[in-house]
Amino acid sequence: MKLLLILLLSLSYINITQSLETMSAKDKTLYDYIVEDIDGNEMPLEKYKGKVILIVNVASKCGYTPQYEGLQKVYEEYNDDGLVVLGVPANNFMGQEPGTEEDIKQFCTLNYGVTFPMTSKVSVRGDDQAPLFTFLTGQPNQDFEGGIRWNFEKFLIDKKGILQRRFRSGVEPDSKELMGAIEALL
């Protein structure tokens, strides 16, 4: 009798635990993630609650690297209205972000005057993909789902922490398409 009771309690615990895990994965938002900023400090993304966020996987030695200039302009233009641009360095594509965080920070500041927040370097695809990008690439949106193809892909998050739009690398930060999507969410 005791063995049967223990078995039933164990099965109930497993079912409750699985339900909670499924529910939490389904109900996660961007705000559930903590990343490291480019200086190595913890950066809970919850601090951006109520803001529109444009997350971009960036690289310093890529054909799209000049987009840093456009990202900075968009940030300056809309930051006071509630937009945050978040640059996330990644070295997943042909070694185009080989430097240290200090190298990346210096490059962005000196060459493009970047003042928007940057994270530490992470992997945006593959077996070592950062949890944030596992989340982002799996979220439904009106554009497309799935893995990141190259540097400077853009993820547009609404004020509730939900992914609304995705843009491939070739979409310039100041394009009508991207600017219109940002303005619609602000």
N, C-alpha and C. Protein backbone atom coordinates (compact mmCIF):
# COMPACT_ATOMS: atom_id res chain seq x y z
N MET A 1 0.82 -1.19 0.00
CA MET A 1 0.00 0.00 0.00
C MET A 1 0.87 1.26 0.00
N LYS A 2 1.90 1.31 0.86
CA LYS A 2 2.79 2.46 0.92
C LYS A 2 3.51 2.65 -0.41
N LEU A 3 3.92 1.55 -1.01
CA LEU A 3 4.62 1.61 -2.29
C LEU A 3 3.72 2.20 -3.38
N LEU A 4 2.46 1.79 -3.37
CA LEU A 4 1.49 2.32 -4.34
C LEU A 4 1.28 3.82 -4.13
N LEU A 5 1.17 4.24 -2.88
CA LEU A 5 0.99 5.66 -2.56
C LEU A 5 2.21 6.46 -3.01
N ILE A 6 3.40 5.96 -2.76
CA ILE A 6 4.63 6.64 -3.17
C ILE A 6 4.68 6.74 -4.69
N LEU A 7 4.33 5.67 -5.38
CA LEU A 7 4.30 5.66 -6.84
C LEU A 7 3.32 6.71 -7.38
N LEU A 8 2.12 6.76 -6.82
CA LEU A 8 1.12 7.73 -7.25
C LEU A 8 1.58 9.17 -6.99
N LEU A 9 2.16 9.41 -5.85
CA LEU A 9 2.67 10.75 -5.53
C LEU A 9 3.80 11.14 -6.48
N SER A 10 4.68 10.20 -6.79
CA SER A 10 5.79 10.46 -7.71
C SER A 10 5.27 10.80 -9.10
N LEU A 11 4.29 10.04 -9.58
CA LEU A 11 3.71 10.31 -10.90
C LEU A 11 3.01 11.67 -10.93
N SER A 12 2.32 12.00 -9.84
CA SER A 12 1.66 13.31 -9.77
C SER A 12 2.69 14.42 -9.80
N TYR A 13 3.78 14.27 -9.07
CA TYR A 13 4.85 15.28 -9.06
C TYR A 13 5.45 15.46 -10.45
N ILE A 14 5.70 14.35 -11.15
CA ILE A 14 6.26 14.41 -12.50
C ILE A 14 5.30 15.14 -13.43
N ASN A 15 4.02 14.83 -13.38
CA ASN A 15 3.04 15.49 -14.24
C ASN A 15 2.94 16.98 -13.95
N ILE A 16 2.93 17.35 -12.68
CA ILE A 16 2.87 18.77 -12.30
C ILE A 16 4.12 19.49 -12.77
N THR A 17 5.27 18.89 -12.58
CA THR A 17 6.54 19.49 -12.99
C THR A 17 6.57 19.68 -14.51
N GLN A 18 6.15 18.66 -15.25
CA GLN A 18 6.14 18.77 -16.72
C GLN A 18 5.16 19.85 -17.17
N SER A 19 4.01 19.95 -16.52
CA SER A 19 3.04 20.99 -16.87
C SER A 19 3.61 22.37 -16.62
N LEU A 20 4.29 22.57 -15.51
CA LEU A 20 4.88 23.87 -15.20
C LEU A 20 5.97 24.22 -16.20
N GLU A 21 6.81 23.23 -16.58
CA GLU A 21 7.86 23.49 -17.56
C GLU A 21 7.27 23.87 -18.91
N THR A 22 6.24 23.16 -19.34
CA THR A 22 5.59 23.45 -20.61
C THR A 22 4.95 24.83 -20.57
N MET A 23 4.26 25.12 -19.48
CA MET A 23 3.60 26.41 -19.36
C MET A 23 4.63 27.54 -19.36
N SER A 24 5.71 27.37 -18.62
CA SER A 24 6.68 28.46 -18.54
C SER A 24 7.37 28.68 -19.89
N ALA A 25 7.65 27.62 -20.63
CA ALA A 25 8.27 27.79 -21.95
C ALA A 25 7.31 28.51 -22.90
N LYS A 26 6.06 28.14 -22.84
CA LYS A 26 5.05 28.74 -23.71
C LYS A 26 4.82 30.21 -23.37
N ASP A 27 4.85 30.52 -22.10
CA ASP A 27 4.49 31.87 -21.64
C ASP A 27 5.69 32.79 -21.45
N LYS A 28 6.87 32.37 -21.85
CA LYS A 28 8.05 33.21 -21.67
C LYS A 28 8.00 34.43 -22.57
N THR A 29 8.58 35.49 -22.06
CA THR A 29 8.77 36.69 -22.86
C THR A 29 10.25 37.03 -22.81
N LEU A 30 10.62 38.03 -23.51
CA LEU A 30 12.00 38.51 -23.51
C LEU A 30 12.46 38.85 -22.09
N TYR A 31 11.53 39.33 -21.29
CA TYR A 31 11.86 39.79 -19.93
C TYR A 31 12.30 38.67 -19.00
N ASP A 32 12.12 37.42 -19.41
CA ASP A 32 12.54 36.29 -18.59
C ASP A 32 14.03 35.98 -18.73
N TYR A 33 14.73 36.71 -19.58
CA TYR A 33 16.13 36.42 -19.87
C TYR A 33 17.05 37.45 -19.23
N ILE A 34 18.20 36.94 -18.84
CA ILE A 34 19.28 37.78 -18.30
C ILE A 34 20.49 37.52 -19.18
N VAL A 35 21.08 38.58 -19.69
CA VAL A 35 22.28 38.46 -20.51
C VAL A 35 23.40 39.20 -19.80
N GLU A 36 24.57 39.14 -20.38
CA GLU A 36 25.72 39.86 -19.85
C GLU A 36 25.99 41.04 -20.77
N ASP A 37 26.17 42.22 -20.19
CA ASP A 37 26.48 43.37 -21.05
C ASP A 37 27.93 43.29 -21.51
N ILE A 38 28.32 44.19 -22.38
CA ILE A 38 29.65 44.12 -22.99
C ILE A 38 30.78 44.31 -21.97
N ASP A 39 30.43 44.85 -20.79
CA ASP A 39 31.41 45.03 -19.72
C ASP A 39 31.41 43.87 -18.73
N GLY A 40 30.61 42.84 -19.01
CA GLY A 40 30.59 41.66 -18.15
C GLY A 40 29.62 41.73 -17.00
N ASN A 41 28.74 42.73 -16.98
CA ASN A 41 27.76 42.86 -15.91
C ASN A 41 26.45 42.19 -16.30
N GLU A 42 25.75 41.69 -15.31
CA GLU A 42 24.46 41.07 -15.54
C GLU A 42 23.47 42.12 -16.06
N MET A 43 22.72 41.77 -17.10
CA MET A 43 21.75 42.69 -17.69
C MET A 43 20.40 41.98 -17.80
N PRO A 44 19.55 42.13 -16.77
CA PRO A 44 18.21 41.53 -16.89
C PRO A 44 17.42 42.30 -17.95
N LEU A 45 16.89 41.59 -18.93
CA LEU A 45 16.16 42.26 -19.99
C LEU A 45 14.83 42.83 -19.49
N GLU A 46 14.45 42.43 -18.31
CA GLU A 46 13.26 42.98 -17.67
C GLU A 46 13.38 44.50 -17.48
N LYS A 47 14.60 45.00 -17.43
CA LYS A 47 14.79 46.45 -17.25
C LYS A 47 14.26 47.24 -18.44
N TYR A 48 13.99 46.56 -19.56
CA TYR A 48 13.45 47.23 -20.74
C TYR A 48 11.94 47.05 -20.88
N LYS A 49 11.31 46.57 -19.82
CA LYS A 49 9.86 46.37 -19.83
C LYS A 49 9.17 47.69 -20.18
N GLY A 50 8.20 47.62 -21.07
CA GLY A 50 7.47 48.81 -21.49
C GLY A 50 8.12 49.57 -22.62
N LYS A 51 9.23 49.06 -23.13
CA LYS A 51 9.93 49.70 -24.25
C LYS A 51 9.87 48.79 -25.48
N VAL A 52 10.04 49.38 -26.63
CA VAL A 52 10.18 48.62 -27.86
C VAL A 52 11.67 48.33 -28.01
N ILE A 53 12.01 47.10 -28.35
CA ILE A 53 13.42 46.70 -28.40
C ILE A 53 13.75 46.13 -29.77
N LEU A 54 14.83 46.61 -30.34
CA LEU A 54 15.36 46.07 -31.59
C LEU A 54 16.65 45.34 -31.26
N ILE A 55 16.63 44.03 -31.33
CA ILE A 55 17.81 43.21 -31.03
C ILE A 55 18.47 42.85 -32.35
N VAL A 56 19.78 43.08 -32.43
CA VAL A 56 20.51 42.84 -33.68
C VAL A 56 21.78 42.06 -33.36
N ASN A 57 21.99 40.93 -34.05
CA ASN A 57 23.26 40.23 -33.91
C ASN A 57 24.28 40.93 -34.81
N VAL A 58 25.33 41.43 -34.22
CA VAL A 58 26.27 42.31 -34.92
C VAL A 58 27.65 41.68 -35.05
N ALA A 59 28.45 42.23 -35.96
CA ALA A 59 29.83 41.78 -36.17
C ALA A 59 30.64 42.94 -36.75
N SER A 60 31.90 43.01 -36.39
CA SER A 60 32.77 44.14 -36.76
C SER A 60 33.44 44.01 -38.13
N LYS A 61 33.49 42.80 -38.68
CA LYS A 61 34.22 42.59 -39.93
C LYS A 61 33.32 41.96 -40.99
N CYS A 62 32.15 42.54 -41.16
CA CYS A 62 31.13 42.01 -42.05
C CYS A 62 30.76 43.07 -43.08
N GLY A 63 30.28 42.64 -44.21
CA GLY A 63 29.81 43.59 -45.21
C GLY A 63 28.67 44.46 -44.71
N TYR A 64 27.95 43.98 -43.70
CA TYR A 64 26.83 44.75 -43.14
C TYR A 64 27.26 45.62 -41.96
N THR A 65 28.52 45.57 -41.57
CA THR A 65 29.00 46.34 -40.42
C THR A 65 28.63 47.83 -40.49
N PRO A 66 28.64 48.47 -41.66
CA PRO A 66 28.22 49.88 -41.71
C PRO A 66 26.80 50.12 -41.19
N GLN A 67 26.01 49.07 -41.01
CA GLN A 67 24.68 49.26 -40.43
C GLN A 67 24.74 49.78 -38.99
N TYR A 68 25.89 49.65 -38.35
CA TYR A 68 26.04 50.26 -37.02
C TYR A 68 25.66 51.74 -37.06
N GLU A 69 26.05 52.43 -38.12
CA GLU A 69 25.73 53.85 -38.25
C GLU A 69 24.23 54.07 -38.26
N GLY A 70 23.51 53.29 -39.05
CA GLY A 70 22.06 53.41 -39.12
C GLY A 70 21.39 53.02 -37.82
N LEU A 71 21.90 51.97 -37.15
CA LEU A 71 21.34 51.57 -35.86
C LEU A 71 21.49 52.69 -34.83
N GLN A 72 22.65 53.34 -34.84
CA GLN A 72 22.88 54.45 -33.91
C GLN A 72 21.91 55.60 -34.20
N LYS A 73 21.70 55.91 -35.48
CA LYS A 73 20.77 56.99 -35.84
C LYS A 73 19.35 56.67 -35.40
N VAL A 74 18.92 55.43 -35.64
CA VAL A 74 17.58 55.02 -35.22
C VAL A 74 17.46 55.11 -33.71
N TYR A 75 18.48 54.67 -33.01
CA TYR A 75 18.49 54.74 -31.54
C TYR A 75 18.37 56.19 -31.07
N GLU A 76 19.16 57.06 -31.64
CA GLU A 76 19.12 58.48 -31.25
C GLU A 76 17.76 59.09 -31.55
N GLU A 77 17.19 58.74 -32.70
CA GLU A 77 15.91 59.33 -33.10
C GLU A 77 14.74 58.87 -32.24
N TYR A 78 14.74 57.60 -31.83
CA TYR A 78 13.58 57.05 -31.15
C TYR A 78 13.80 56.67 -29.68
N ASN A 79 14.99 56.83 -29.17
CA ASN A 79 15.25 56.43 -27.79
C ASN A 79 14.35 57.18 -26.81
N ASP A 80 14.18 58.46 -27.00
CA ASP A 80 13.33 59.23 -26.09
C ASP A 80 11.86 58.82 -26.18
N ASP A 81 11.48 58.18 -27.29
CA ASP A 81 10.11 57.70 -27.47
C ASP A 81 9.91 56.29 -26.92
N GLY A 82 11.00 55.66 -26.45
CA GLY A 82 10.88 54.34 -25.85
C GLY A 82 11.50 53.20 -26.64
N LEU A 83 12.39 53.49 -27.59
CA LEU A 83 13.07 52.43 -28.34
C LEU A 83 14.44 52.15 -27.74
N VAL A 84 14.76 50.89 -27.60
CA VAL A 84 16.09 50.44 -27.21
C VAL A 84 16.64 49.60 -28.35
N VAL A 85 17.82 49.91 -28.80
CA VAL A 85 18.54 49.05 -29.74
C VAL A 85 19.52 48.26 -28.89
N LEU A 86 19.55 46.96 -29.07
CA LEU A 86 20.46 46.10 -28.31
C LEU A 86 21.34 45.34 -29.29
N GLY A 87 22.61 45.67 -29.31
CA GLY A 87 23.57 45.00 -30.17
C GLY A 87 24.13 43.76 -29.48
N VAL A 88 24.12 42.65 -30.19
CA VAL A 88 24.60 41.39 -29.63
C VAL A 88 25.69 40.83 -30.54
N PRO A 89 26.96 41.04 -30.19
CA PRO A 89 28.06 40.52 -31.01
C PRO A 89 28.06 38.99 -31.06
N ALA A 90 28.33 38.47 -32.26
CA ALA A 90 28.40 37.02 -32.45
C ALA A 90 29.46 36.72 -33.51
N ASN A 91 30.15 35.61 -33.32
CA ASN A 91 31.23 35.22 -34.23
C ASN A 91 30.86 33.96 -35.01
N ASN A 92 29.57 33.77 -35.29
CA ASN A 92 29.10 32.55 -35.93
C ASN A 92 29.29 32.50 -37.44
N PHE A 93 29.56 33.61 -38.07
CA PHE A 93 29.56 33.65 -39.53
C PHE A 93 30.94 34.05 -40.05
N MET A 94 31.68 33.06 -40.49
CA MET A 94 33.01 33.24 -41.07
C MET A 94 33.97 34.04 -40.20
N GLY A 95 33.85 33.91 -38.89
CA GLY A 95 34.77 34.56 -37.96
C GLY A 95 34.78 36.07 -38.06
N GLN A 96 33.61 36.67 -38.33
CA GLN A 96 33.56 38.10 -38.56
C GLN A 96 33.45 38.95 -37.30
N GLU A 97 33.48 38.31 -36.14
CA GLU A 97 33.56 39.03 -34.87
C GLU A 97 34.58 38.34 -33.98
N PRO A 98 35.88 38.45 -34.35
CA PRO A 98 36.92 37.69 -33.65
C PRO A 98 37.41 38.33 -32.35
N GLY A 99 37.14 39.59 -32.14
CA GLY A 99 37.74 40.32 -31.02
C GLY A 99 37.12 40.01 -29.67
N THR A 100 37.77 40.58 -28.65
CA THR A 100 37.25 40.50 -27.29
C THR A 100 36.15 41.55 -27.12
N GLU A 101 35.46 41.49 -26.01
CA GLU A 101 34.43 42.48 -25.74
C GLU A 101 35.03 43.90 -25.74
N GLU A 102 36.22 44.04 -25.18
CA GLU A 102 36.87 45.36 -25.16
C GLU A 102 37.20 45.82 -26.58
N ASP A 103 37.67 44.91 -27.43
CA ASP A 103 37.94 45.24 -28.84
C ASP A 103 36.66 45.69 -29.55
N ILE A 104 35.59 44.96 -29.32
CA ILE A 104 34.31 45.25 -29.96
C ILE A 104 33.79 46.62 -29.51
N LYS A 105 33.82 46.84 -28.21
CA LYS A 105 33.35 48.11 -27.65
C LYS A 105 34.14 49.28 -28.23
N GLN A 106 35.44 49.14 -28.26
CA GLN A 106 36.31 50.20 -28.80
C GLN A 106 36.02 50.43 -30.29
N PHE A 107 35.89 49.37 -31.05
CA PHE A 107 35.59 49.48 -32.47
C PHE A 107 34.28 50.24 -32.71
N CYS A 108 33.25 49.84 -31.98
CA CYS A 108 31.92 50.45 -32.17
C CYS A 108 31.91 51.92 -31.76
N THR A 109 32.59 52.24 -30.69
CA THR A 109 32.63 53.62 -30.21
C THR A 109 33.44 54.51 -31.14
N LEU A 110 34.63 54.06 -31.51
CA LEU A 110 35.51 54.88 -32.34
C LEU A 110 35.01 55.03 -33.77
N ASN A 111 34.49 53.97 -34.35
CA ASN A 111 34.10 54.00 -35.76
C ASN A 111 32.67 54.44 -36.02
N TYR A 112 31.76 54.19 -35.06
CA TYR A 112 30.35 54.48 -35.31
C TYR A 112 29.69 55.28 -34.19
N GLY A 113 30.42 55.64 -33.16
CA GLY A 113 29.85 56.42 -32.07
C GLY A 113 28.70 55.71 -31.36
N VAL A 114 28.76 54.40 -31.27
CA VAL A 114 27.67 53.62 -30.69
C VAL A 114 27.49 53.96 -29.22
N THR A 115 26.25 54.30 -28.87
CA THR A 115 25.88 54.55 -27.48
C THR A 115 24.77 53.62 -27.02
N PHE A 116 24.19 52.84 -27.95
CA PHE A 116 23.14 51.92 -27.53
C PHE A 116 23.76 50.75 -26.79
N PRO A 117 22.97 50.07 -25.95
CA PRO A 117 23.51 48.95 -25.17
C PRO A 117 24.02 47.82 -26.05
N MET A 118 25.09 47.20 -25.60
CA MET A 118 25.68 46.04 -26.27
C MET A 118 25.86 44.94 -25.22
N THR A 119 25.75 43.70 -25.68
CA THR A 119 25.96 42.57 -24.79
C THR A 119 27.36 42.01 -25.01
N SER A 120 27.72 41.06 -24.18
CA SER A 120 28.94 40.31 -24.43
C SER A 120 28.72 39.44 -25.66
N LYS A 121 29.79 38.94 -26.22
CA LYS A 121 29.72 38.10 -27.42
C LYS A 121 29.09 36.75 -27.06
N VAL A 122 28.14 36.32 -27.90
CA VAL A 122 27.46 35.04 -27.70
C VAL A 122 27.39 34.29 -29.02
N SER A 123 26.91 33.07 -28.95
CA SER A 123 26.64 32.30 -30.15
C SER A 123 25.15 32.44 -30.47
N VAL A 124 24.83 32.74 -31.73
CA VAL A 124 23.43 32.94 -32.11
C VAL A 124 22.85 31.76 -32.88
N ARG A 125 23.68 30.73 -33.10
CA ARG A 125 23.18 29.51 -33.75
C ARG A 125 24.12 28.36 -33.40
N GLY A 126 23.64 27.15 -33.64
CA GLY A 126 24.46 25.97 -33.37
C GLY A 126 24.18 25.37 -32.01
N ASP A 127 24.99 24.38 -31.67
CA ASP A 127 24.82 23.65 -30.41
C ASP A 127 25.03 24.53 -29.18
N ASP A 128 25.80 25.58 -29.33
CA ASP A 128 26.08 26.47 -28.20
C ASP A 128 25.28 27.78 -28.28
N GLN A 129 24.17 27.74 -28.99
CA GLN A 129 23.33 28.93 -29.15
C GLN A 129 22.89 29.46 -27.79
N ALA A 130 23.02 30.76 -27.61
CA ALA A 130 22.60 31.41 -26.37
C ALA A 130 21.09 31.21 -26.18
N PRO A 131 20.65 30.97 -24.95
CA PRO A 131 19.22 30.75 -24.69
C PRO A 131 18.33 31.86 -25.25
N LEU A 132 18.78 33.11 -25.20
CA LEU A 132 17.98 34.20 -25.73
C LEU A 132 17.68 33.98 -27.22
N PHE A 133 18.66 33.52 -27.97
CA PHE A 133 18.46 33.32 -29.40
C PHE A 133 17.71 32.02 -29.71
N THR A 134 17.79 31.05 -28.83
CA THR A 134 16.94 29.87 -28.97
C THR A 134 15.48 30.32 -28.85
N PHE A 135 15.23 31.18 -27.88
CA PHE A 135 13.89 31.74 -27.68
C PHE A 135 13.45 32.57 -28.89
N LEU A 136 14.28 33.54 -29.29
CA LEU A 136 13.90 34.45 -30.37
C LEU A 136 13.65 33.74 -31.70
N THR A 137 14.52 32.80 -32.05
CA THR A 137 14.38 32.14 -33.35
C THR A 137 13.22 31.15 -33.38
N GLY A 138 12.68 30.83 -32.22
CA GLY A 138 11.54 29.91 -32.16
C GLY A 138 10.20 30.60 -32.01
N GLN A 139 10.19 31.92 -31.93
CA GLN A 139 8.95 32.65 -31.70
C GLN A 139 8.19 32.91 -33.01
N PRO A 140 6.86 32.72 -32.96
CA PRO A 140 6.06 33.06 -34.14
C PRO A 140 6.03 34.57 -34.35
N ASN A 141 5.94 34.97 -35.60
CA ASN A 141 5.81 36.38 -35.96
C ASN A 141 5.34 36.42 -37.39
N GLN A 142 5.02 37.59 -37.90
CA GLN A 142 4.43 37.67 -39.24
C GLN A 142 5.44 37.51 -40.37
N ASP A 143 6.72 37.48 -40.06
CA ASP A 143 7.73 37.45 -41.11
C ASP A 143 8.27 36.04 -41.38
N PHE A 144 9.01 35.48 -40.45
CA PHE A 144 9.57 34.15 -40.62
C PHE A 144 10.09 33.65 -39.29
N GLU A 145 10.25 32.36 -39.19
CA GLU A 145 10.81 31.74 -38.00
C GLU A 145 12.06 30.98 -38.40
N GLY A 146 12.76 30.46 -37.43
CA GLY A 146 13.91 29.62 -37.71
C GLY A 146 15.22 30.34 -37.46
N GLY A 147 16.29 29.66 -37.81
CA GLY A 147 17.63 30.11 -37.51
C GLY A 147 18.05 31.40 -38.19
N ILE A 148 19.07 31.98 -37.62
CA ILE A 148 19.66 33.20 -38.16
C ILE A 148 20.58 32.81 -39.31
N ARG A 149 20.47 33.52 -40.42
CA ARG A 149 21.27 33.20 -41.60
C ARG A 149 22.60 33.95 -41.63
N TRP A 150 22.65 35.15 -41.05
CA TRP A 150 23.88 35.95 -41.14
C TRP A 150 23.87 37.04 -40.09
N ASN A 151 24.95 37.79 -40.04
CA ASN A 151 25.06 38.93 -39.13
C ASN A 151 24.02 40.00 -39.47
N PHE A 152 23.66 40.77 -38.49
CA PHE A 152 22.77 41.92 -38.62
C PHE A 152 21.32 41.55 -38.95
N GLU A 153 20.89 40.35 -38.48
CA GLU A 153 19.46 40.08 -38.50
C GLU A 153 18.85 40.83 -37.33
N LYS A 154 17.59 41.23 -37.52
CA LYS A 154 16.96 42.12 -36.56
C LYS A 154 15.67 41.51 -36.02
N PHE A 155 15.49 41.62 -34.70
CA PHE A 155 14.31 41.12 -34.01
C PHE A 155 13.64 42.31 -33.34
N LEU A 156 12.38 42.58 -33.69
CA LEU A 156 11.66 43.72 -33.14
C LEU A 156 10.65 43.22 -32.11
N ILE A 157 10.84 43.67 -30.87
CA ILE A 157 10.06 43.22 -29.72
C ILE A 157 9.13 44.35 -29.28
N ASP A 158 7.88 44.00 -28.96
CA ASP A 158 6.93 45.03 -28.52
C ASP A 158 7.11 45.36 -27.03
N LYS A 159 6.29 46.27 -26.54
CA LYS A 159 6.40 46.75 -25.16
C LYS A 159 6.06 45.70 -24.12
N LYS A 160 5.47 44.57 -24.56
CA LYS A 160 5.14 43.48 -23.65
C LYS A 160 6.19 42.37 -23.67
N GLY A 161 7.27 42.57 -24.45
CA GLY A 161 8.32 41.57 -24.51
C GLY A 161 8.07 40.47 -25.51
N ILE A 162 7.16 40.70 -26.47
CA ILE A 162 6.79 39.69 -27.45
C ILE A 162 7.39 40.05 -28.81
N LEU A 163 8.01 39.07 -29.45
CA LEU A 163 8.56 39.27 -30.79
C LEU A 163 7.43 39.55 -31.77
N GLN A 164 7.53 40.67 -32.48
CA GLN A 164 6.52 41.04 -33.46
C GLN A 164 7.00 40.88 -34.90
N ARG A 165 8.25 41.26 -35.15
CA ARG A 165 8.76 41.25 -36.53
C ARG A 165 10.22 40.77 -36.54
N ARG A 166 10.61 40.21 -37.69
CA ARG A 166 12.01 39.87 -37.94
C ARG A 166 12.41 40.41 -39.29
N PHE A 167 13.66 40.82 -39.38
CA PHE A 167 14.18 41.38 -40.62
C PHE A 167 15.54 40.75 -40.91
N ARG A 168 15.74 40.37 -42.15
CA ARG A 168 17.02 39.78 -42.55
C ARG A 168 18.10 40.87 -42.60
N SER A 169 19.32 40.44 -42.78
CA SER A 169 20.49 41.31 -42.75
C SER A 169 20.42 42.46 -43.74
N GLY A 170 19.88 42.21 -44.92
CA GLY A 170 19.86 43.23 -45.96
C GLY A 170 18.91 44.39 -45.71
N VAL A 171 18.04 44.26 -44.72
CA VAL A 171 17.12 45.36 -44.39
C VAL A 171 17.90 46.39 -43.58
N GLU A 172 18.07 47.56 -44.18
CA GLU A 172 18.82 48.64 -43.53
C GLU A 172 18.04 49.18 -42.33
N PRO A 173 18.73 49.60 -41.27
CA PRO A 173 18.05 50.13 -40.09
C PRO A 173 17.12 51.30 -40.39
N ASP A 174 17.47 52.14 -41.37
CA ASP A 174 16.63 53.31 -41.68
C ASP A 174 15.69 53.06 -42.86
N SER A 175 15.47 51.80 -43.21
CA SER A 175 14.54 51.48 -44.31
C SER A 175 13.12 51.83 -43.89
N LYS A 176 12.29 52.12 -44.88
CA LYS A 176 10.88 52.43 -44.60
C LYS A 176 10.20 51.27 -43.89
N GLU A 177 10.54 50.06 -44.30
CA GLU A 177 9.93 48.87 -43.72
C GLU A 177 10.21 48.76 -42.22
N LEU A 178 11.46 48.87 -41.85
CA LEU A 178 11.84 48.76 -40.45
C LEU A 178 11.38 49.97 -39.64
N MET A 179 11.56 51.15 -40.18
CA MET A 179 11.15 52.37 -39.47
C MET A 179 9.62 52.36 -39.23
N GLY A 180 8.87 51.93 -40.23
CA GLY A 180 7.42 51.85 -40.09
C GLY A 180 7.01 50.87 -39.01
N ALA A 181 7.70 49.72 -38.94
CA ALA A 181 7.39 48.72 -37.93
C ALA A 181 7.71 49.25 -36.54
N ILE A 182 8.82 49.96 -36.40
CA ILE A 182 9.20 50.54 -35.10
C ILE A 182 8.15 51.58 -34.69
N GLU A 183 7.82 52.47 -35.60
CA GLU A 183 6.85 53.54 -35.29
C GLU A 183 5.50 52.96 -34.91
N ALA A 184 5.09 51.87 -35.56
CA ALA A 184 3.79 51.24 -35.24
C ALA A 184 3.76 50.71 -33.82
N LEU A 185 4.90 50.26 -33.32
CA LEU A 185 4.96 49.70 -31.96
C LEU A 185 5.17 50.76 -30.87
N LEU A 186 5.74 51.88 -31.25
CA LEU A 186 5.95 52.96 -30.28
C LEU A 186 4.63 53.64 -29.96
